[in-house]
């Protein structure tokens, strides 16, 4: 879906969408205590994609303008101190972040294959074993996930690429990305992600750069779909 709102003065799309919703609340279209229209309907009304709308609603929830009740809907809260203020930045758009990771890290995987050593493959194997143990223990394997991607980036021998991968990964700790993680990450989604990591490791071990590139891209695109739920 083509977004009707464009980025202005560096403001992220979710900030602009949140401000649009805030304006409708101020105008009385959605009074305090009322439920906002269903996600699909509201996205159509505003001319934006559902992931962008979802990010905007999370931004509004963080500043106390709305309450998201899982299984029930999104409800307008009584006006607070932030009611008349533009929506503040809360990190990069999670959907844009995952698209950027797919573009960068698929190339990283392609480049890493030619420099992959038995020691690096063994390290990746240990990381995935730790990831599996965390999942079975009911823990989110964030550090193991991070180490997997950073280890592959380090194998490129390119410090700039390694830094970019690290910074993109660590953006998941921004307020808006962290809130999405709370809502949509479950033990089952982590098990699926682990299986995708296993496919990446197999591709790296095979020595086929195109296979490794494809496996990484498919993993990160699938992660975006799980995270943003378009």
Protein backbone atom coordinates (compact mmCIF):
# COMPACT_ATOMS: atom_id res chain seq x y z
CA UNK A 1 0.00 0.00 0.00
CA UNK A 2 1.36 3.44 -0.89
CA UNK A 3 1.57 5.72 2.14
CA UNK A 4 -0.40 8.95 1.69
CA UNK A 5 1.63 10.79 4.33
CA UNK A 6 5.21 11.69 3.46
CA UNK A 7 8.18 12.18 5.76
CA UNK A 8 8.51 15.88 6.59
CA UNK A 9 11.54 17.51 8.25
CA UNK A 10 12.92 14.14 9.27
CA UNK A 11 9.83 13.16 11.26
CA UNK A 12 9.10 9.47 11.07
CA UNK A 13 5.90 8.29 9.45
CA UNK A 14 4.48 6.86 12.68
CA UNK A 15 4.87 10.29 14.33
CA UNK A 16 2.85 11.92 11.57
CA UNK A 17 0.15 9.25 11.69
CA UNK A 18 -0.01 9.53 15.49
CA UNK A 19 -0.42 13.30 15.18
CA UNK A 20 -3.28 12.80 12.73
CA UNK A 21 -5.06 10.53 15.19
CA UNK A 22 -4.33 12.97 18.01
CA UNK A 23 -5.94 15.71 15.92
CA UNK A 24 -9.08 13.62 15.40
CA UNK A 25 -9.25 13.04 19.15
CA UNK A 26 -8.94 16.79 19.84
CA UNK A 27 -11.68 17.52 17.31
CA UNK A 28 -14.02 15.20 19.20
CA UNK A 29 -14.31 12.46 16.57
CA UNK A 30 -12.96 10.03 19.16
CA UNK A 31 -13.90 11.24 22.66
CA UNK A 32 -12.22 9.87 25.82
CA UNK A 33 -13.40 6.34 26.61
CA UNK A 34 -14.43 5.59 23.04
CA UNK A 35 -12.94 2.81 20.98
CA UNK A 36 -11.10 3.67 17.79
CA UNK A 37 -12.29 2.08 14.53
CA UNK A 38 -10.92 -1.34 13.63
CA UNK A 39 -7.34 -1.30 12.40
CA UNK A 40 -8.17 -1.97 8.75
CA UNK A 41 -10.86 0.72 8.71
CA UNK A 42 -8.71 3.34 10.41
CA UNK A 43 -5.72 2.61 8.16
CA UNK A 44 -7.96 3.10 5.12
CA UNK A 45 -9.36 6.33 6.54
CA UNK A 46 -5.87 7.73 7.08
CA UNK A 47 -4.42 6.32 3.85
CA UNK A 48 -1.57 4.42 5.49
CA UNK A 49 -0.49 0.80 5.82
CA UNK A 50 -1.53 -1.24 8.82
CA UNK A 51 2.07 -1.59 10.11
CA UNK A 52 2.46 2.21 10.05
CA UNK A 53 -0.86 2.62 11.84
CA UNK A 54 0.13 0.02 14.43
CA UNK A 55 3.40 1.84 15.11
CA UNK A 56 1.49 5.11 15.51
CA UNK A 57 -0.95 3.54 17.97
CA UNK A 58 1.93 2.17 20.03
CA UNK A 59 3.50 5.65 20.08
CA UNK A 60 0.19 7.06 21.33
CA UNK A 61 -0.05 4.32 23.96
CA UNK A 62 3.47 5.12 25.22
CA UNK A 63 2.55 8.77 25.79
CA UNK A 64 -0.77 7.84 27.42
CA UNK A 65 -3.15 9.03 24.70
CA UNK A 66 -4.69 5.60 24.05
CA UNK A 67 -4.89 2.20 25.71
CA UNK A 68 -4.44 -0.91 23.58
CA UNK A 69 -6.44 -3.81 25.00
CA UNK A 70 -5.47 -7.05 23.30
CA UNK A 71 -8.55 -8.79 21.90
CA UNK A 72 -10.76 -5.78 22.56
CA UNK A 73 -9.46 -2.75 20.68
CA UNK A 74 -7.85 0.63 21.15
CA UNK A 75 -9.49 3.06 23.55
CA UNK A 76 -9.00 6.82 23.90
CA UNK A 77 -7.69 7.98 27.28
CA UNK A 78 -8.47 11.23 29.05
CA UNK A 79 -6.28 14.09 27.72
CA UNK A 80 -2.90 14.26 29.44
CA UNK A 81 0.05 16.61 29.40
CA UNK A 82 1.15 15.38 25.96
CA UNK A 83 -2.26 15.81 24.32
CA UNK A 84 -1.35 19.00 22.44
CA UNK A 85 2.29 18.14 21.77
CA UNK A 86 3.63 16.59 18.55
CA UNK A 87 4.46 12.92 18.92
CA UNK A 88 8.05 12.56 20.05
CA UNK A 89 10.49 10.24 18.27
CA UNK A 90 10.63 6.79 19.88
CA UNK A 91 13.19 5.13 17.62
CA UNK A 92 13.18 4.02 14.02
CA UNK A 93 10.08 2.55 12.44
CA UNK A 94 10.27 -1.20 13.21
CA UNK A 95 8.99 -2.14 9.74
CA UNK A 96 11.57 0.12 8.05
CA UNK A 97 14.25 -1.17 10.39
CA UNK A 98 13.61 -4.79 9.40
CA UNK A 99 13.64 -3.91 5.71
CA UNK A 100 17.00 -2.21 6.19
CA UNK A 101 18.35 -5.24 8.03
CA UNK A 102 17.20 -7.56 5.24
CA UNK A 103 18.98 -5.43 2.64
CA UNK A 104 22.23 -5.08 4.60
CA UNK A 105 22.51 -8.48 6.24
CA UNK A 106 21.73 -10.49 3.12
CA UNK A 107 24.79 -8.85 1.54
CA UNK A 108 26.77 -9.48 4.74
CA UNK A 109 25.92 -13.20 4.56
CA UNK A 110 26.99 -13.30 0.90
CA UNK A 111 30.36 -11.76 1.77
CA UNK A 112 30.89 -13.81 4.92
CA UNK A 113 30.74 -17.18 3.15
CA UNK A 114 34.14 -16.80 1.51
CA UNK A 115 35.81 -15.95 4.82
CA UNK A 116 33.95 -18.44 7.01
CA UNK A 117 36.30 -20.59 9.10
CA UNK A 118 35.69 -23.84 11.00
CA UNK A 119 36.16 -21.83 14.21
CA UNK A 120 33.47 -19.30 13.21
CA UNK A 121 31.07 -22.08 12.22
CA UNK A 122 31.68 -23.77 15.58
CA UNK A 123 31.01 -20.48 17.36
CA UNK A 124 27.73 -20.05 15.47
CA UNK A 125 26.79 -23.62 16.42
CA UNK A 126 27.36 -22.84 20.10
CA UNK A 127 25.30 -19.67 19.80
CA UNK A 128 22.35 -21.56 18.33
CA UNK A 129 22.60 -24.24 21.00
CA UNK A 130 22.44 -21.47 23.60
CA UNK A 131 19.51 -19.93 21.80
CA UNK A 132 17.63 -23.24 21.89
CA UNK A 133 18.36 -23.63 25.60
CA UNK A 134 17.05 -20.13 26.34
CA UNK A 135 13.83 -20.77 24.43
CA UNK A 136 13.18 -24.07 26.21
CA UNK A 137 13.81 -22.36 29.56
CA UNK A 138 11.21 -19.70 28.73
CA UNK A 139 13.77 -16.93 28.22
CA UNK A 140 14.00 -14.59 25.25
CA UNK A 141 17.34 -15.40 23.57
CA UNK A 142 18.09 -11.80 22.63
CA UNK A 143 21.81 -11.94 23.42
CA UNK A 144 22.25 -15.20 21.51
CA UNK A 145 20.31 -13.75 18.56
CA UNK A 146 22.51 -10.65 18.62
CA UNK A 147 25.70 -12.72 18.79
CA UNK A 148 24.63 -14.84 15.82
CA UNK A 149 24.18 -11.85 13.54
CA UNK A 150 27.26 -10.02 14.80
CA UNK A 151 29.47 -13.10 14.40
CA UNK A 152 28.45 -13.41 10.76
CA UNK A 153 29.08 -9.69 10.20
CA UNK A 154 32.54 -9.97 11.75
CA UNK A 155 33.43 -12.69 9.23
CA UNK A 156 33.17 -10.20 6.37
CA UNK A 157 36.34 -8.53 7.62
CA UNK A 158 34.62 -5.17 7.09
CA UNK A 159 34.42 -3.12 10.30
CA UNK A 160 31.94 -0.67 8.79
CA UNK A 161 29.49 -3.43 7.88
CA UNK A 162 29.93 -4.99 11.33
CA UNK A 163 29.14 -1.65 12.96
CA UNK A 164 26.05 -1.12 10.80
CA UNK A 165 24.73 -4.59 11.62
CA UNK A 166 25.30 -3.96 15.34
CA UNK A 167 23.57 -0.57 15.27
CA UNK A 168 20.59 -1.87 13.30
CA UNK A 169 20.18 -4.82 15.65
CA UNK A 170 20.45 -2.66 18.75
CA UNK A 171 17.71 -0.34 17.46
CA UNK A 172 15.27 -3.08 18.49
CA UNK A 173 15.69 -1.78 22.05
CA UNK A 174 14.07 1.57 21.21
CA UNK A 175 10.76 2.24 23.01
CA UNK A 176 8.57 1.55 19.98
CA UNK A 177 10.42 -1.62 18.90
CA UNK A 178 10.53 -2.91 22.46
CA UNK A 179 6.77 -2.48 22.80
CA UNK A 180 6.18 -4.39 19.58
CA UNK A 181 8.43 -7.16 20.86
CA UNK A 182 6.38 -7.47 24.03
CA UNK A 183 3.20 -7.88 22.01
CA UNK A 184 4.29 -10.17 19.22
CA UNK A 185 7.27 -12.27 20.38
CA UNK A 186 6.33 -15.63 21.87
CA UNK A 187 8.18 -18.91 22.48
CA UNK A 188 6.65 -20.21 19.25
CA UNK A 189 7.87 -17.26 17.15
CA UNK A 190 11.33 -17.72 18.67
CA UNK A 191 11.30 -21.42 17.73
CA UNK A 192 10.48 -20.46 14.14
CA UNK A 193 13.30 -17.90 14.20
CA UNK A 194 15.69 -20.54 15.54
CA UNK A 195 14.82 -22.86 12.64
CA UNK A 196 15.55 -20.00 10.23
CA UNK A 197 18.91 -19.43 11.94
CA UNK A 198 19.70 -23.11 11.47
CA UNK A 199 19.00 -22.73 7.75
CA UNK A 200 21.39 -19.77 7.60
CA UNK A 201 24.11 -21.74 9.37
CA UNK A 202 23.68 -24.66 6.96
CA UNK A 203 23.96 -22.25 4.03
CA UNK A 204 27.12 -20.67 5.44
CA UNK A 205 28.65 -24.11 5.99
CA UNK A 206 27.82 -25.11 2.40
CA UNK A 207 30.07 -22.40 1.02
CA UNK A 208 27.35 -21.16 -1.35
CA UNK A 209 27.14 -17.34 -1.10
CA UNK A 210 23.84 -17.08 -2.97
CA UNK A 211 22.25 -19.68 -0.69
CA UNK A 212 23.49 -17.82 2.39
CA UNK A 213 22.24 -14.50 1.02
CA UNK A 214 18.81 -15.97 0.31
CA UNK A 215 18.55 -17.67 3.71
CA UNK A 216 19.39 -14.44 5.56
CA UNK A 217 16.96 -12.37 3.51
CA UNK A 218 14.14 -14.87 3.98
CA UNK A 219 14.76 -14.94 7.75
CA UNK A 220 14.69 -11.17 8.17
CA UNK A 221 11.69 -10.70 5.89
CA UNK A 222 9.83 -13.38 7.84
CA UNK A 223 10.89 -11.67 11.08
CA UNK A 224 9.43 -8.40 9.80
CA UNK A 225 6.14 -10.10 8.99
CA UNK A 226 5.99 -11.68 12.45
CA UNK A 227 6.89 -8.38 14.10
CA UNK A 228 4.69 -6.00 12.15
CA UNK A 229 1.83 -8.40 11.36
CA UNK A 230 0.79 -6.72 8.11
